[in-house]
Protein backbone atom coordinates (compact mmCIF):
# COMPACT_ATOMS: atom_id res chain seq x y z
CA MET A 1 76.95 155.64 101.11
CA ALA A 2 76.88 152.92 103.76
CA ALA A 3 79.30 151.01 105.99
CA TYR A 4 79.15 147.38 107.17
CA GLY A 5 81.09 145.00 109.40
CA VAL A 6 82.06 141.38 108.74
CA ILE A 7 82.21 139.90 112.25
CA ILE A 8 83.35 136.28 112.40
CA ARG A 9 84.11 134.56 115.69
CA ASP A 10 84.77 130.85 116.27
CA GLY A 11 83.51 129.88 112.80
CA ARG A 12 80.29 131.86 113.21
CA ILE A 13 79.23 135.11 111.52
CA LEU A 14 77.05 137.82 113.02
CA LEU A 15 74.17 138.77 110.73
CA SER A 16 71.27 141.17 110.81
CA HIS A 17 67.89 140.39 109.26
CA TRP A 18 66.88 143.31 107.04
CA ASN A 19 63.12 143.69 106.74
CA GLU A 20 61.81 146.78 105.00
CA HIS A 21 59.12 147.70 102.46
CA GLY A 22 58.00 144.08 102.03
CA ARG A 23 61.50 142.79 101.24
CA SER A 24 63.80 140.94 103.60
CA GLY A 25 67.00 138.93 103.88
CA TRP A 26 70.01 138.28 106.05
CA THR A 27 72.83 140.77 105.68
CA LEU A 28 75.80 142.23 107.48
CA PRO A 29 75.15 144.62 110.34
CA GLY A 30 75.60 148.11 108.96
CA GLY A 31 73.87 150.84 107.08
CA GLY A 32 73.77 154.44 105.98
CA ILE A 33 76.39 157.02 106.82
CA GLU A 34 74.88 160.11 108.45
CA GLY A 35 76.02 163.54 107.27
CA SER A 36 79.80 163.92 107.48
CA GLU A 37 80.19 160.81 109.65
CA HIS A 38 83.33 158.79 108.93
CA PRO A 39 82.57 155.30 107.53
CA ILE A 40 84.34 153.60 110.48
CA VAL A 41 82.21 155.54 112.96
CA ALA A 42 79.09 154.69 110.92
CA ALA A 43 79.96 150.98 110.87
CA ARG A 44 80.44 150.91 114.65
CA ARG A 45 77.21 152.84 115.24
CA GLU A 46 75.18 150.64 112.89
CA ILE A 47 76.61 147.42 114.36
CA PHE A 48 75.56 148.61 117.82
CA GLU A 49 72.09 149.73 116.66
CA GLU A 50 71.35 146.45 114.87
CA THR A 51 72.98 143.93 117.23
CA GLY A 52 73.61 145.51 120.63
CA TYR A 53 77.33 144.82 120.31
CA GLU A 54 80.10 147.38 120.58
CA ALA A 55 82.64 146.71 117.84
CA SER A 56 86.16 147.62 116.87
CA VAL A 57 86.82 148.06 113.17
CA ASP A 58 89.94 146.09 112.35
CA ARG A 59 90.55 146.43 108.61
CA LEU A 60 89.05 147.78 105.40
CA LEU A 61 88.08 144.80 103.26
CA GLY A 62 86.78 146.69 100.26
CA ILE A 63 84.25 148.96 98.63
CA ASP A 64 81.34 147.68 96.57
CA THR A 65 79.27 149.80 94.22
CA MET A 66 75.87 149.14 92.73
CA VAL A 67 73.00 150.83 90.95
CA VAL A 68 69.39 150.21 91.97
CA PRO A 69 67.16 151.02 88.98
CA THR A 70 64.17 153.29 89.58
CA SER A 71 61.84 150.35 88.91
CA LYS A 72 63.25 148.45 91.90
CA ARG A 73 63.24 151.35 94.36
CA HIS A 74 60.53 151.71 96.98
CA SER A 75 60.54 155.47 96.51
CA GLY A 76 62.41 157.95 94.40
CA ALA A 77 62.25 159.11 90.83
CA ALA A 78 65.82 158.25 89.89
CA PRO A 79 68.20 155.31 90.15
CA LEU A 80 70.11 154.94 93.41
CA TYR A 81 73.88 154.88 93.09
CA ALA A 82 75.20 153.11 96.18
CA MET A 83 78.69 152.76 97.61
CA ARG A 84 79.09 150.20 100.39
CA VAL A 85 82.25 150.22 102.52
CA VAL A 86 82.97 146.80 104.04
CA TYR A 87 85.20 146.35 107.09
CA ARG A 88 86.35 143.39 109.13
CA ALA A 89 85.26 144.05 112.70
CA SER A 90 85.30 142.41 116.13
CA VAL A 91 82.93 142.41 119.08
CA VAL A 92 84.48 144.21 122.06
CA GLY A 93 81.46 144.60 124.35
CA GLY A 94 77.70 144.72 124.69
CA GLU A 95 75.08 141.99 124.53
CA LEU A 96 73.22 140.54 121.56
CA ARG A 97 69.80 142.09 121.10
CA ASN A 98 67.43 142.89 118.25
CA GLU A 99 66.96 146.38 116.82
CA VAL A 100 63.73 148.15 117.70
CA ASP A 101 61.99 150.42 115.17
CA GLY A 102 64.71 150.10 112.55
CA SER A 103 65.26 148.44 109.20
CA SER A 104 66.29 145.15 110.80
CA ASP A 105 64.24 142.93 113.08
CA GLU A 106 66.69 140.26 114.27
CA ALA A 107 70.39 139.76 114.91
CA ARG A 108 71.87 136.28 115.15
CA TRP A 109 75.09 134.29 114.91
CA PHE A 110 75.22 131.64 112.15
CA ASP A 111 77.75 128.92 111.39
CA LEU A 112 79.59 129.95 108.24
CA ASP A 113 78.45 126.80 106.46
CA GLU A 114 74.79 127.82 107.03
CA VAL A 115 75.09 131.09 105.12
CA SER A 116 74.65 129.59 101.65
CA ARG A 117 71.23 128.23 102.69
CA LEU A 118 69.91 131.54 104.03
CA LYS A 119 67.70 133.98 102.19
CA ARG A 120 70.29 136.76 102.00
CA VAL A 121 71.14 140.00 100.25
CA SER A 122 73.92 140.05 97.65
CA LEU A 123 76.16 142.20 99.85
CA LEU A 124 76.70 139.25 102.18
CA ASP A 125 78.23 137.10 99.43
CA ILE A 126 80.34 140.02 98.19
CA ALA A 127 81.62 140.68 101.71
CA LEU A 128 82.51 137.03 102.32
CA ARG A 129 84.50 136.98 99.07
CA LEU A 130 86.30 140.17 100.16
CA ASN A 131 87.00 138.65 103.56
CA ALA A 132 88.51 135.55 101.95
CA ALA A 133 90.52 137.42 99.30
CA GLU A 134 91.67 140.40 101.40
CA PRO A 135 92.46 142.47 98.28
CA ALA A 136 95.15 145.04 99.04
CA ASP A 137 93.35 147.67 96.95
CA GLY A 138 89.85 146.92 98.31
CA VAL A 139 88.44 146.07 94.88
CA PRO A 140 86.07 143.07 94.99
CA PRO A 141 87.27 140.14 92.85
CA SER A 142 84.10 140.33 90.72
CA ALA A 143 84.78 144.00 89.84
CA ARG A 144 88.13 143.23 88.20
CA GLU A 145 86.54 141.89 85.01
């Protein structure tokens, strides 16, 4: 289970560059929930770790689920069943910096119209659709089919 923040300010979105096990792409700041940590607390912690910014979590946008087949996993003998909680968040303090010794290597603001040209993970597109749709039940539009 993981938690992420969609942070948009003045037409720009804050992204983190994930770079792990020979794969990379731009994504939302966020990541794994530790132990019994609440997803909101995890999102705030991960945003800080990956970007240097302190964040407030403003609203649940939705929950995305996915299965990573064993053949696409770096390690593990079974498929990974993932649940990703996506929040809208805001920067409330801190300074932009890159994560050290983590799964991301750069944090940067991008104009929203640049996102479609970036090498990115699928979660970013899912989150932007959730942000635009603001589904009351948190179900991504693509999951309604």
